Each structure stands twice: as structure tokens, then as C-alpha cells.
Amino acid sequence: MAAKPDYKKYGFIPQVQPGLLVMRIRNKAGNMTAAQMRSVAELAERYANGQVHVTTRQAVEIPGVKEEFFEEALAAIRAADLLPAVCGPRVRPVVACPGTDTCPYGLLSARALAEKLDDDFVGRDLPAKTKFAVSSCPNSCTKPQANDVGFKGVVEPLVDQAACVKCGACVRRCPAKAMVIENAELVIDYNKCLACGVCIKLCPKKALQVGRKGYHIYVGGKGGRYQYDGQLIAEYITEESVLDYLEAVLATYQELAEKGERLNSVVAKTGIAELKVKIEAKL
């Protein structure tokens, strides 16, 4: 008997019902065109019962595809200008928020970063499944700390004391209560500051300026039966440097992990400080 194809490599998942597959289709940064959505509906009607399920990671999946149609359905996905999903021990599709495209809290283009991550990393073989999430701001709507590697947009506020009129608007509106006026100066407690940029946006005199801006990067987050929070390993990594940093993270992970070992386990056995040293040695 011929061996079955590696269904999961192409985003097809065997169902509990023998002979049936779930056909999963990914997108970039959670976005699909109307034409792509019509194509998904057509595929669901052609190869299954017309049902489409939206996954927790912004993909769509079509249940009830017969195994015998695997190759034909995969070709149809590609012909329709769609992207097959990825499962198994490799980089999974990226989750991202709308970011600066539409959100008033957005600091960076989560969509732009997610598209680059999809182009350069999704489908890459690794010791175990590896998930990325991108959040444009510290609200963390995509839960970056719950992914193997998470990216959180941040901006550091700097005070121009000469321009500040001490109106107190930023003090009242700071979500972290990280600002006070002392001795006729505005003081920021950076240990409390969330780097959310709210104060910069609302200052009527533009006395709060952008300092460092980029992504905080978390590693070792994980959901599932046993959940782990990702640990902060790098701060204010610029948009231009994110991909290089991620390459170093994944190269280090491949060196240290056993087959089937998730990144959270590597963090636990290596220690975040030592892991940081090993990663930065590759930059």
C-alpha cells in the first residue's frame, strides 16, 4: 500500500471520520479580498458540503473533503490565488491585528510585518510547531505573549520640558499612572510606562515626543493544556531589524531543541538570560 501524503504539510488535517480531511486555507495578516472569499465558498461547495469554519488563528477551513480529492483540492487552492495553510512541525500561519491600517491605538503596521513573516518564514521546518503573533500596540489583542514568538508594538515617550505647560492631561489619561508633575516638571516612571503612546497622541502642545519605537519580542509562549507566558527577550527592535532578530531566534532554537520540543521548553532549560546571549551572538 502506498504511503499517504504528508497532509499536514499542506494544511490538510485528517478528521475523526475515516477518509475525510479538513482543508485549511491561510491568509496574510487576517485579510482576504472579496474575490478570495468567493473562491473559498466555491471550494467548499465543490469539494465538501458548503460549510466553512473560521479558525482561532485567522485562517478558514473546509471540513469534509474526501482524501481522494487531496491533490486536486490543493491545486484548486493555488489556482484560486489562495494560500494553503501549514500544520505539523513547522512555522504556522501568522496572527496579526489591523494595526495602523484602522485602529486608533496602533503604533506600527502589524499587517506589513505579518506579511513579511508569512513570506519569509511560514512553512519552514523546525523541531516542533512554532507560532507567531503580531500586535501593533501594548493592548496585545493578538496575544503575542501566548505564542512561541510574539511581537508587540511599543513607543517610548520623551518629555520636552520647555514645551510642556503642565496641563496634566497626560497625567490624567496615562493608563499605567506612570506620569506625575513634580517640582514644575513632568516626570515619567519608565518602570510603570506601558510604552503605549497614548500620552504622545493626546498632548496638546506636542511636548511628548517619540523616543525609541519598535517591537518588544517575547519567546516561549504557549497555549494548550499547559500554558506558558512568553518571556521578554528584546526591547524596541526596529521594524528594519525584526526579521534578522527572528532568524537568530529560530537558528538558536534549532540548535538547542530536541525533535518535538517547543520553544517554551528550550527557554525553561536554557534560561532566558543565556538564551538571549546565544541569540545576540548570531546577530
C-alpha atoms as a PDB file:
ATOM      1  CA  MET A   1       0.000   0.000   0.000  1.00  0.00           C
ATOM      2  CA  ALA A   2       1.375   3.415  -0.971  1.00  0.00           C
ATOM      3  CA  ALA A   3       2.194   5.769   1.874  1.00  0.00           C
ATOM      4  CA  LYS A   4      -0.272   8.579   2.409  1.00  0.00           C
ATOM      5  CA  PRO A   5       0.858  12.110   1.586  1.00  0.00           C
ATOM      6  CA  ASP A   6       2.044  14.420   4.347  1.00  0.00           C
ATOM      7  CA  TYR A   7      -1.351  16.080   4.537  1.00  0.00           C
ATOM      8  CA  LYS A   8      -0.452  18.443   7.370  1.00  0.00           C
ATOM      9  CA  LYS A   9       2.421  19.997   5.456  1.00  0.00           C
ATOM     10  CA  TYR A  10      -0.178  21.437   3.099  1.00  0.00           C
ATOM     11  CA  GLY A  11      -2.785  22.340   5.706  1.00  0.00           C
ATOM     12  CA  PHE A  12      -4.998  19.258   5.363  1.00  0.00           C
ATOM     13  CA  ILE A  13      -5.937  17.579   8.641  1.00  0.00           C
ATOM     14  CA  PRO A  14      -7.397  14.060   8.933  1.00  0.00           C
ATOM     15  CA  GLN A  15     -10.821  14.177  10.552  1.00  0.00           C
ATOM     16  CA  VAL A  16     -12.191  11.814  13.155  1.00  0.00           C
ATOM     17  CA  GLN A  17     -14.323  10.376  10.341  1.00  0.00           C
ATOM     18  CA  PRO A  18     -12.200   7.941   8.272  1.00  0.00           C
ATOM     19  CA  GLY A  19     -11.345   9.105   4.783  1.00  0.00           C
ATOM     20  CA  LEU A  20     -12.202  12.756   5.357  1.00  0.00           C
ATOM     21  CA  LEU A  21      -9.936  15.791   5.643  1.00  0.00           C
ATOM     22  CA  VAL A  22     -10.277  19.340   6.879  1.00  0.00           C
ATOM     23  CA  MET A  23      -8.871  21.643   4.188  1.00  0.00           C
ATOM     24  CA  ARG A  24      -7.322  24.700   5.824  1.00  0.00           C
ATOM     25  CA  ILE A  25      -6.584  27.910   3.898  1.00  0.00           C
ATOM     26  CA  ARG A  26      -4.405  30.659   5.305  1.00  0.00           C
ATOM     27  CA  ASN A  27      -4.253  34.348   4.539  1.00  0.00           C
ATOM     28  CA  LYS A  28      -1.763  37.094   5.241  1.00  0.00           C
ATOM     29  CA  ALA A  29      -2.386  39.136   8.399  1.00  0.00           C
ATOM     30  CA  GLY A  30      -6.013  38.032   8.618  1.00  0.00           C
ATOM     31  CA  ASN A  31      -7.004  39.705   5.356  1.00  0.00           C
ATOM     32  CA  MET A  32      -8.853  38.313   2.358  1.00  0.00           C
ATOM     33  CA  THR A  33     -10.305  40.009  -0.691  1.00  0.00           C
ATOM     34  CA  ALA A  34     -13.932  39.586  -1.675  1.00  0.00           C
ATOM     35  CA  ALA A  35     -12.766  37.538  -4.669  1.00  0.00           C
ATOM     36  CA  GLN A  36     -10.781  35.219  -2.406  1.00  0.00           C
ATOM     37  CA  MET A  37     -13.776  34.745  -0.132  1.00  0.00           C
ATOM     38  CA  ARG A  38     -15.926  33.842  -3.116  1.00  0.00           C
ATOM     39  CA  SER A  39     -13.278  31.311  -4.125  1.00  0.00           C
ATOM     40  CA  VAL A  40     -13.365  29.791  -0.635  1.00  0.00           C
ATOM     41  CA  ALA A  41     -17.138  29.419  -0.901  1.00  0.00           C
ATOM     42  CA  GLU A  42     -16.780  27.790  -4.308  1.00  0.00           C
ATOM     43  CA  LEU A  43     -14.194  25.311  -2.989  1.00  0.00           C
ATOM     44  CA  ALA A  44     -16.442  24.456  -0.040  1.00  0.00           C
ATOM     45  CA  GLU A  45     -19.307  23.665  -2.395  1.00  0.00           C
ATOM     46  CA  ARG A  46     -17.149  21.780  -4.895  1.00  0.00           C
ATOM     47  CA  TYR A  47     -15.239  19.531  -2.505  1.00  0.00           C
ATOM     48  CA  ALA A  48     -17.373  19.403   0.653  1.00  0.00           C
ATOM     49  CA  ASN A  49     -20.819  20.306   1.967  1.00  0.00           C
ATOM     50  CA  GLY A  50     -20.544  24.080   1.686  1.00  0.00           C
ATOM     51  CA  GLN A  51     -19.556  24.680   5.302  1.00  0.00           C
ATOM     52  CA  VAL A  52     -16.643  26.998   6.169  1.00  0.00           C
ATOM     53  CA  HIS A  53     -15.136  27.396   9.644  1.00  0.00           C
ATOM     54  CA  VAL A  54     -13.053  30.383  10.784  1.00  0.00           C
ATOM     55  CA  THR A  55     -10.144  29.197  12.943  1.00  0.00           C
ATOM     56  CA  THR A  56      -8.714  30.816  16.048  1.00  0.00           C
ATOM     57  CA  ARG A  57      -5.641  31.822  14.029  1.00  0.00           C
ATOM     58  CA  GLN A  58      -7.460  33.816  11.350  1.00  0.00           C
ATOM     59  CA  ALA A  59      -7.472  31.055   8.755  1.00  0.00           C
ATOM     60  CA  VAL A  60     -10.511  29.368   7.224  1.00  0.00           C
ATOM     61  CA  GLU A  61     -11.083  25.653   6.924  1.00  0.00           C
ATOM     62  CA  ILE A  62     -13.420  23.472   4.947  1.00  0.00           C
ATOM     63  CA  PRO A  63     -14.396  20.172   6.595  1.00  0.00           C
ATOM     64  CA  GLY A  64     -15.494  17.032   4.834  1.00  0.00           C
ATOM     65  CA  VAL A  65     -13.049  16.835   1.914  1.00  0.00           C
ATOM     66  CA  LYS A  66     -12.524  13.249   0.751  1.00  0.00           C
ATOM     67  CA  GLU A  67      -8.919  12.028   0.836  1.00  0.00           C
ATOM     68  CA  GLU A  68      -9.108  11.047  -2.820  1.00  0.00           C
ATOM     69  CA  PHE A  69      -9.530  14.732  -3.733  1.00  0.00           C
ATOM     70  CA  PHE A  70      -6.449  15.905  -1.798  1.00  0.00           C
ATOM     71  CA  GLU A  71      -4.182  16.677  -4.757  1.00  0.00           C
ATOM     72  CA  GLU A  72      -6.981  18.140  -6.840  1.00  0.00           C
ATOM     73  CA  ALA A  73      -8.193  20.346  -3.977  1.00  0.00           C
ATOM     74  CA  LEU A  74      -4.656  21.535  -3.205  1.00  0.00           C
ATOM     75  CA  ALA A  75      -4.173  22.517  -6.846  1.00  0.00           C
ATOM     76  CA  ALA A  76      -7.537  24.288  -6.802  1.00  0.00           C
ATOM     77  CA  ILE A  77      -6.488  26.342  -3.764  1.00  0.00           C
ATOM     78  CA  ARG A  78      -3.409  27.579  -5.579  1.00  0.00           C
ATOM     79  CA  ALA A  79      -5.253  28.183  -8.836  1.00  0.00           C
ATOM     80  CA  ALA A  80      -7.729  30.400  -6.985  1.00  0.00           C
ATOM     81  CA  ASP A  81      -4.959  32.734  -5.737  1.00  0.00           C
ATOM     82  CA  LEU A  82      -5.313  31.318  -2.227  1.00  0.00           C
ATOM     83  CA  LEU A  83      -2.663  30.022   0.150  1.00  0.00           C
ATOM     84  CA  PRO A  84      -2.747  26.509   1.622  1.00  0.00           C
ATOM     85  CA  ALA A  85      -2.275  26.519   5.364  1.00  0.00           C
ATOM     86  CA  VAL A  86       0.575  24.786   7.181  1.00  0.00           C
ATOM     87  CA  CYS A  87       0.431  22.291  10.044  1.00  0.00           C
ATOM     88  CA  GLY A  88       2.897  19.917  11.673  1.00  0.00           C
ATOM     89  CA  PRO A  89       6.427  20.719  12.953  1.00  0.00           C
ATOM     90  CA  ARG A  90       6.992  23.997  11.149  1.00  0.00           C
ATOM     91  CA  VAL A  91       6.210  27.698  11.280  1.00  0.00           C
ATOM     92  CA  ARG A  92       2.447  28.158  11.288  1.00  0.00           C
ATOM     93  CA  PRO A  93       0.403  30.997   9.748  1.00  0.00           C
ATOM     94  CA  VAL A  94       0.888  34.361  11.450  1.00  0.00           C
ATOM     95  CA  VAL A  95      -1.803  36.093  13.519  1.00  0.00           C
ATOM     96  CA  ALA A  96      -1.925  39.895  13.340  1.00  0.00           C
ATOM     97  CA  CYS A  97      -4.166  42.773  14.363  1.00  0.00           C
ATOM     98  CA  PRO A  98      -5.295  45.521  11.916  1.00  0.00           C
ATOM     99  CA  GLY A  99      -2.785  47.901  13.494  1.00  0.00           C
ATOM    100  CA  THR A 100      -2.293  51.322  11.966  1.00  0.00           C
ATOM    101  CA  ASP A 101      -4.496  50.424   8.986  1.00  0.00           C
ATOM    102  CA  THR A 102      -7.628  51.134  11.031  1.00  0.00           C
ATOM    103  CA  CYS A 103      -7.006  51.106  14.792  1.00  0.00           C
ATOM    104  CA  PRO A 104      -6.603  54.397  16.719  1.00  0.00           C
ATOM    105  CA  TYR A 105      -4.303  52.633  19.202  1.00  0.00           C
ATOM    106  CA  GLY A 106      -1.990  51.257  16.512  1.00  0.00           C
ATOM    107  CA  LEU A 107       1.675  52.220  16.675  1.00  0.00           C
ATOM    108  CA  LEU A 108       3.187  50.156  13.855  1.00  0.00           C
ATOM    109  CA  SER A 109       1.918  48.352  10.781  1.00  0.00           C
ATOM    110  CA  ALA A 110       1.203  44.877  12.124  1.00  0.00           C
ATOM    111  CA  ARG A 111      -0.067  43.927   8.690  1.00  0.00           C
ATOM    112  CA  ALA A 112       3.214  44.830   6.983  1.00  0.00           C
ATOM    113  CA  LEU A 113       5.258  42.809   9.471  1.00  0.00           C
ATOM    114  CA  ALA A 114       2.892  39.830   9.334  1.00  0.00           C
ATOM    115  CA  GLU A 115       3.092  39.753   5.542  1.00  0.00           C
ATOM    116  CA  LYS A 116       6.899  39.718   5.697  1.00  0.00           C
ATOM    117  CA  LEU A 117       6.804  36.932   8.278  1.00  0.00           C
ATOM    118  CA  ASP A 118       4.476  34.925   6.043  1.00  0.00           C
ATOM    119  CA  ASP A 119       6.699  35.411   3.005  1.00  0.00           C
ATOM    120  CA  ASP A 120       9.963  34.553   4.773  1.00  0.00           C
ATOM    121  CA  PHE A 121       9.098  32.040   7.490  1.00  0.00           C
ATOM    122  CA  VAL A 122       5.722  30.298   7.202  1.00  0.00           C
ATOM    123  CA  GLY A 123       6.192  26.633   6.322  1.00  0.00           C
ATOM    124  CA  ARG A 124       9.810  26.470   7.481  1.00  0.00           C
ATOM    125  CA  ASP A 125      10.574  23.108   9.096  1.00  0.00           C
ATOM    126  CA  LEU A 126      11.502  23.326  12.793  1.00  0.00           C
ATOM    127  CA  PRO A 127      11.751  20.865  15.706  1.00  0.00           C
ATOM    128  CA  ALA A 128       8.077  21.466  16.581  1.00  0.00           C
ATOM    129  CA  LYS A 129       5.173  23.680  15.613  1.00  0.00           C
ATOM    130  CA  THR A 130       6.038  27.336  16.008  1.00  0.00           C
ATOM    131  CA  LYS A 131       3.502  30.135  16.161  1.00  0.00           C
ATOM    132  CA  PHE A 132       3.945  33.887  15.687  1.00  0.00           C
ATOM    133  CA  ALA A 133       1.617  36.744  16.608  1.00  0.00           C
ATOM    134  CA  VAL A 134       1.943  40.461  15.908  1.00  0.00           C
ATOM    135  CA  SER A 135       0.255  43.189  17.947  1.00  0.00           C
ATOM    136  CA  SER A 136       0.565  46.804  16.874  1.00  0.00           C
ATOM    137  CA  CYS A 137       0.416  48.137  20.439  1.00  0.00           C
ATOM    138  CA  PRO A 138       0.573  47.031  24.092  1.00  0.00           C
ATOM    139  CA  ASN A 139      -3.146  46.212  24.113  1.00  0.00           C
ATOM    140  CA  SER A 140      -1.893  42.861  22.786  1.00  0.00           C
ATOM    141  CA  CYS A 141      -5.153  41.902  21.099  1.00  0.00           C
ATOM    142  CA  THR A 142      -3.450  39.024  19.275  1.00  0.00           C
ATOM    143  CA  LYS A 143      -1.902  37.677  22.496  1.00  0.00           C
ATOM    144  CA  PRO A 144       1.774  37.862  21.460  1.00  0.00           C
ATOM    145  CA  GLN A 145       2.839  36.563  24.879  1.00  0.00           C
ATOM    146  CA  ALA A 146       0.873  33.351  24.233  1.00  0.00           C
ATOM    147  CA  ASN A 147       2.840  32.451  21.089  1.00  0.00           C
ATOM    148  CA  ASP A 148       6.226  30.843  20.536  1.00  0.00           C
ATOM    149  CA  VAL A 149       7.433  34.222  19.287  1.00  0.00           C
ATOM    150  CA  GLY A 150       5.354  37.339  19.832  1.00  0.00           C
ATOM    151  CA  PHE A 151       5.834  40.887  18.608  1.00  0.00           C
ATOM    152  CA  LYS A 152       4.309  43.839  20.484  1.00  0.00           C
ATOM    153  CA  GLY A 153       4.459  47.362  19.075  1.00  0.00           C
ATOM    154  CA  VAL A 154       5.787  49.956  21.535  1.00  0.00           C
ATOM    155  CA  VAL A 155       6.880  53.595  21.607  1.00  0.00           C
ATOM    156  CA  GLU A 156       8.929  55.364  24.265  1.00  0.00           C
ATOM    157  CA  PRO A 157       7.678  58.842  25.271  1.00  0.00           C
ATOM    158  CA  LEU A 158      10.234  61.598  25.837  1.00  0.00           C
ATOM    159  CA  VAL A 159       9.417  64.908  27.540  1.00  0.00           C
ATOM    160  CA  ASP A 160      10.309  68.314  26.132  1.00  0.00           C
ATOM    161  CA  GLN A 161      10.130  70.233  29.408  1.00  0.00           C
ATOM    162  CA  ALA A 162      10.350  73.586  27.637  1.00  0.00           C
ATOM    163  CA  ALA A 163       7.256  72.830  25.558  1.00  0.00           C
ATOM    164  CA  CYS A 164       5.281  71.251  28.421  1.00  0.00           C
ATOM    165  CA  VAL A 165       2.734  73.641  30.012  1.00  0.00           C
ATOM    166  CA  LYS A 166       1.996  71.219  32.879  1.00  0.00           C
ATOM    167  CA  CYS A 167      -1.694  70.977  31.951  1.00  0.00           C
ATOM    168  CA  GLY A 168      -1.861  67.472  33.436  1.00  0.00           C
ATOM    169  CA  ALA A 169      -3.761  65.897  30.522  1.00  0.00           C
ATOM    170  CA  CYS A 170      -1.193  63.110  30.173  1.00  0.00           C
ATOM    171  CA  VAL A 171      -1.131  62.521  33.936  1.00  0.00           C
ATOM    172  CA  ARG A 172      -4.893  62.032  34.000  1.00  0.00           C
ATOM    173  CA  ARG A 173      -5.047  59.843  30.893  1.00  0.00           C
ATOM    174  CA  CYS A 174      -1.996  57.611  31.373  1.00  0.00           C
ATOM    175  CA  PRO A 175      -3.346  54.026  31.644  1.00  0.00           C
ATOM    176  CA  ALA A 176      -0.405  52.980  33.834  1.00  0.00           C
ATOM    177  CA  LYS A 177      -0.392  56.063  36.094  1.00  0.00           C
ATOM    178  CA  ALA A 178       3.251  56.438  35.151  1.00  0.00           C
ATOM    179  CA  MET A 179       3.291  60.245  34.997  1.00  0.00           C
ATOM    180  CA  VAL A 180       3.391  62.908  37.697  1.00  0.00           C
ATOM    181  CA  ILE A 181       4.188  66.603  37.855  1.00  0.00           C
ATOM    182  CA  GLU A 182       6.893  67.245  40.444  1.00  0.00           C
ATOM    183  CA  ASN A 183       8.758  70.486  41.078  1.00  0.00           C
ATOM    184  CA  ALA A 184       7.184  72.039  37.985  1.00  0.00           C
ATOM    185  CA  GLU A 185       8.413  69.217  35.733  1.00  0.00           C
ATOM    186  CA  LEU A 186       6.651  66.296  34.097  1.00  0.00           C
ATOM    187  CA  VAL A 187       8.236  63.053  35.270  1.00  0.00           C
ATOM    188  CA  ILE A 188       7.746  59.631  33.655  1.00  0.00           C
ATOM    189  CA  ASP A 189       8.251  56.453  35.667  1.00  0.00           C
ATOM    190  CA  TYR A 190       9.550  54.172  32.930  1.00  0.00           C
ATOM    191  CA  ASN A 191       9.222  51.147  35.216  1.00  0.00           C
ATOM    192  CA  LYS A 192       5.455  51.671  35.042  1.00  0.00           C
ATOM    193  CA  CYS A 193       5.198  53.023  31.498  1.00  0.00           C
ATOM    194  CA  LEU A 194       3.464  50.648  29.062  1.00  0.00           C
ATOM    195  CA  ALA A 195       5.010  52.339  26.007  1.00  0.00           C
ATOM    196  CA  CYS A 196       1.506  52.629  24.552  1.00  0.00           C
ATOM    197  CA  GLY A 197       1.919  56.136  23.129  1.00  0.00           C
ATOM    198  CA  VAL A 198      -1.409  57.430  24.457  1.00  0.00           C
ATOM    199  CA  CYS A 199       0.298  60.417  26.063  1.00  0.00           C
ATOM    200  CA  ILE A 200       2.118  61.327  22.851  1.00  0.00           C
ATOM    201  CA  LYS A 201      -1.097  61.350  20.846  1.00  0.00           C
ATOM    202  CA  LEU A 202      -3.105  63.466  23.289  1.00  0.00           C
ATOM    203  CA  CYS A 203      -0.548  66.114  24.306  1.00  0.00           C
ATOM    204  CA  PRO A 204      -1.969  69.466  23.073  1.00  0.00           C
ATOM    205  CA  LYS A 205       1.469  71.112  22.960  1.00  0.00           C
ATOM    206  CA  LYS A 206       3.378  68.207  21.381  1.00  0.00           C
ATOM    207  CA  ALA A 207       5.636  68.237  24.428  1.00  0.00           C
ATOM    208  CA  LEU A 208       5.768  64.438  24.440  1.00  0.00           C
ATOM    209  CA  GLN A 209       7.874  63.156  21.594  1.00  0.00           C
ATOM    210  CA  VAL A 210       8.662  59.721  20.165  1.00  0.00           C
ATOM    211  CA  GLY A 211      11.846  58.205  21.541  1.00  0.00           C
ATOM    212  CA  ARG A 212      12.604  54.597  20.736  1.00  0.00           C
ATOM    213  CA  LYS A 213       9.978  52.845  18.634  1.00  0.00           C
ATOM    214  CA  GLY A 214       9.732  49.249  17.523  1.00  0.00           C
ATOM    215  CA  TYR A 215       8.731  45.828  18.815  1.00  0.00           C
ATOM    216  CA  HIS A 216       9.173  44.109  22.131  1.00  0.00           C
ATOM    217  CA  ILE A 217       9.813  40.441  21.331  1.00  0.00           C
ATOM    218  CA  TYR A 218       8.604  37.581  23.539  1.00  0.00           C
ATOM    219  CA  VAL A 219       9.691  33.956  23.281  1.00  0.00           C
ATOM    220  CA  GLY A 220       8.345  30.722  24.703  1.00  0.00           C
ATOM    221  CA  GLY A 221       4.654  31.490  24.938  1.00  0.00           C
ATOM    222  CA  LYS A 222       2.232  28.612  24.533  1.00  0.00           C
ATOM    223  CA  GLY A 223      -1.435  27.764  24.880  1.00  0.00           C
ATOM    224  CA  GLY A 224      -2.912  24.292  25.129  1.00  0.00           C
ATOM    225  CA  ARG A 225      -3.238  22.020  28.148  1.00  0.00           C
ATOM    226  CA  TYR A 226      -0.200  23.513  29.838  1.00  0.00           C
ATOM    227  CA  GLN A 227       0.038  27.222  29.221  1.00  0.00           C
ATOM    228  CA  TYR A 228       3.135  29.403  29.387  1.00  0.00           C
ATOM    229  CA  ASP A 229       3.607  33.142  29.121  1.00  0.00           C
ATOM    230  CA  GLY A 230       6.282  34.239  26.707  1.00  0.00           C
ATOM    231  CA  GLN A 231       9.266  35.991  28.254  1.00  0.00           C
ATOM    232  CA  LEU A 232      10.554  39.342  27.069  1.00  0.00           C
ATOM    233  CA  ILE A 233      13.863  38.824  25.301  1.00  0.00           C
ATOM    234  CA  ALA A 234      14.337  42.036  23.297  1.00  0.00           C
ATOM    235  CA  GLU A 235      13.045  45.601  23.509  1.00  0.00           C
ATOM    236  CA  TYR A 236      12.412  48.267  20.898  1.00  0.00           C
ATOM    237  CA  ILE A 237      13.641  46.183  17.978  1.00  0.00           C
ATOM    238  CA  THR A 238      13.113  48.364  14.919  1.00  0.00           C
ATOM    239  CA  GLU A 239      10.918  47.295  12.039  1.00  0.00           C
ATOM    240  CA  GLU A 240      14.033  47.066   9.889  1.00  0.00           C
ATOM    241  CA  SER A 241      15.757  44.685  12.333  1.00  0.00           C
ATOM    242  CA  VAL A 242      12.894  42.382  13.311  1.00  0.00           C
ATOM    243  CA  LEU A 243      13.467  39.757  10.618  1.00  0.00           C
ATOM    244  CA  ASP A 244      17.176  39.458  11.395  1.00  0.00           C
ATOM    245  CA  TYR A 245      16.420  39.058  15.086  1.00  0.00           C
ATOM    246  CA  LEU A 246      13.835  36.380  14.363  1.00  0.00           C
ATOM    247  CA  GLU A 247      16.312  34.491  12.170  1.00  0.00           C
ATOM    248  CA  ALA A 248      18.689  34.420  15.138  1.00  0.00           C
ATOM    249  CA  VAL A 249      15.915  33.207  17.460  1.00  0.00           C
ATOM    250  CA  LEU A 250      14.967  30.335  15.156  1.00  0.00           C
ATOM    251  CA  ALA A 251      18.570  29.339  14.471  1.00  0.00           C
ATOM    252  CA  THR A 252      19.204  29.161  18.218  1.00  0.00           C
ATOM    253  CA  TYR A 253      16.006  27.190  18.737  1.00  0.00           C
ATOM    254  CA  GLN A 254      17.046  24.660  16.090  1.00  0.00           C
ATOM    255  CA  GLU A 255      20.434  24.208  17.736  1.00  0.00           C
ATOM    256  CA  LEU A 256      19.074  23.643  21.243  1.00  0.00           C
ATOM    257  CA  ALA A 257      15.794  21.786  20.724  1.00  0.00           C
ATOM    258  CA  GLU A 258      15.174  18.068  20.510  1.00  0.00           C
ATOM    259  CA  LYS A 259      12.731  16.768  17.924  1.00  0.00           C
ATOM    260  CA  GLY A 260       9.215  17.701  19.016  1.00  0.00           C
ATOM    261  CA  GLU A 261      10.407  20.181  21.652  1.00  0.00           C
ATOM    262  CA  ARG A 262       8.598  23.523  21.718  1.00  0.00           C
ATOM    263  CA  LEU A 263      10.387  26.808  22.262  1.00  0.00           C
ATOM    264  CA  ASN A 264       8.975  27.204  25.781  1.00  0.00           C
ATOM    265  CA  SER A 265      10.875  24.072  26.822  1.00  0.00           C
ATOM    266  CA  VAL A 266      14.101  25.459  25.362  1.00  0.00           C
ATOM    267  CA  VAL A 267      13.575  28.690  27.316  1.00  0.00           C
ATOM    268  CA  ALA A 268      12.993  26.718  30.518  1.00  0.00           C
ATOM    269  CA  LYS A 269      16.065  24.507  30.229  1.00  0.00           C
ATOM    270  CA  THR A 270      18.416  27.208  28.917  1.00  0.00           C
ATOM    271  CA  GLY A 271      17.244  30.212  30.901  1.00  0.00           C
ATOM    272  CA  ILE A 272      16.156  33.465  29.324  1.00  0.00           C
ATOM    273  CA  ALA A 273      19.442  35.271  30.066  1.00  0.00           C
ATOM    274  CA  GLU A 274      21.622  32.579  28.477  1.00  0.00           C
ATOM    275  CA  LEU A 275      19.229  32.236  25.554  1.00  0.00           C
ATOM    276  CA  LYS A 276      19.463  35.977  24.949  1.00  0.00           C
ATOM    277  CA  VAL A 277      23.270  35.739  24.839  1.00  0.00           C
ATOM    278  CA  LYS A 278      23.129  32.887  22.324  1.00  0.00           C
ATOM    279  CA  ILE A 279      20.662  34.742  20.112  1.00  0.00           C
ATOM    280  CA  GLU A 280      22.596  38.005  20.128  1.00  0.00           C
ATOM    281  CA  ALA A 281      25.790  36.142  19.234  1.00  0.00           C
ATOM    282  CA  LYS A 282      24.164  35.340  15.883  1.00  0.00           C
ATOM    283  CA  LEU A 283      23.316  38.941  15.025  1.00  0.00           C
END
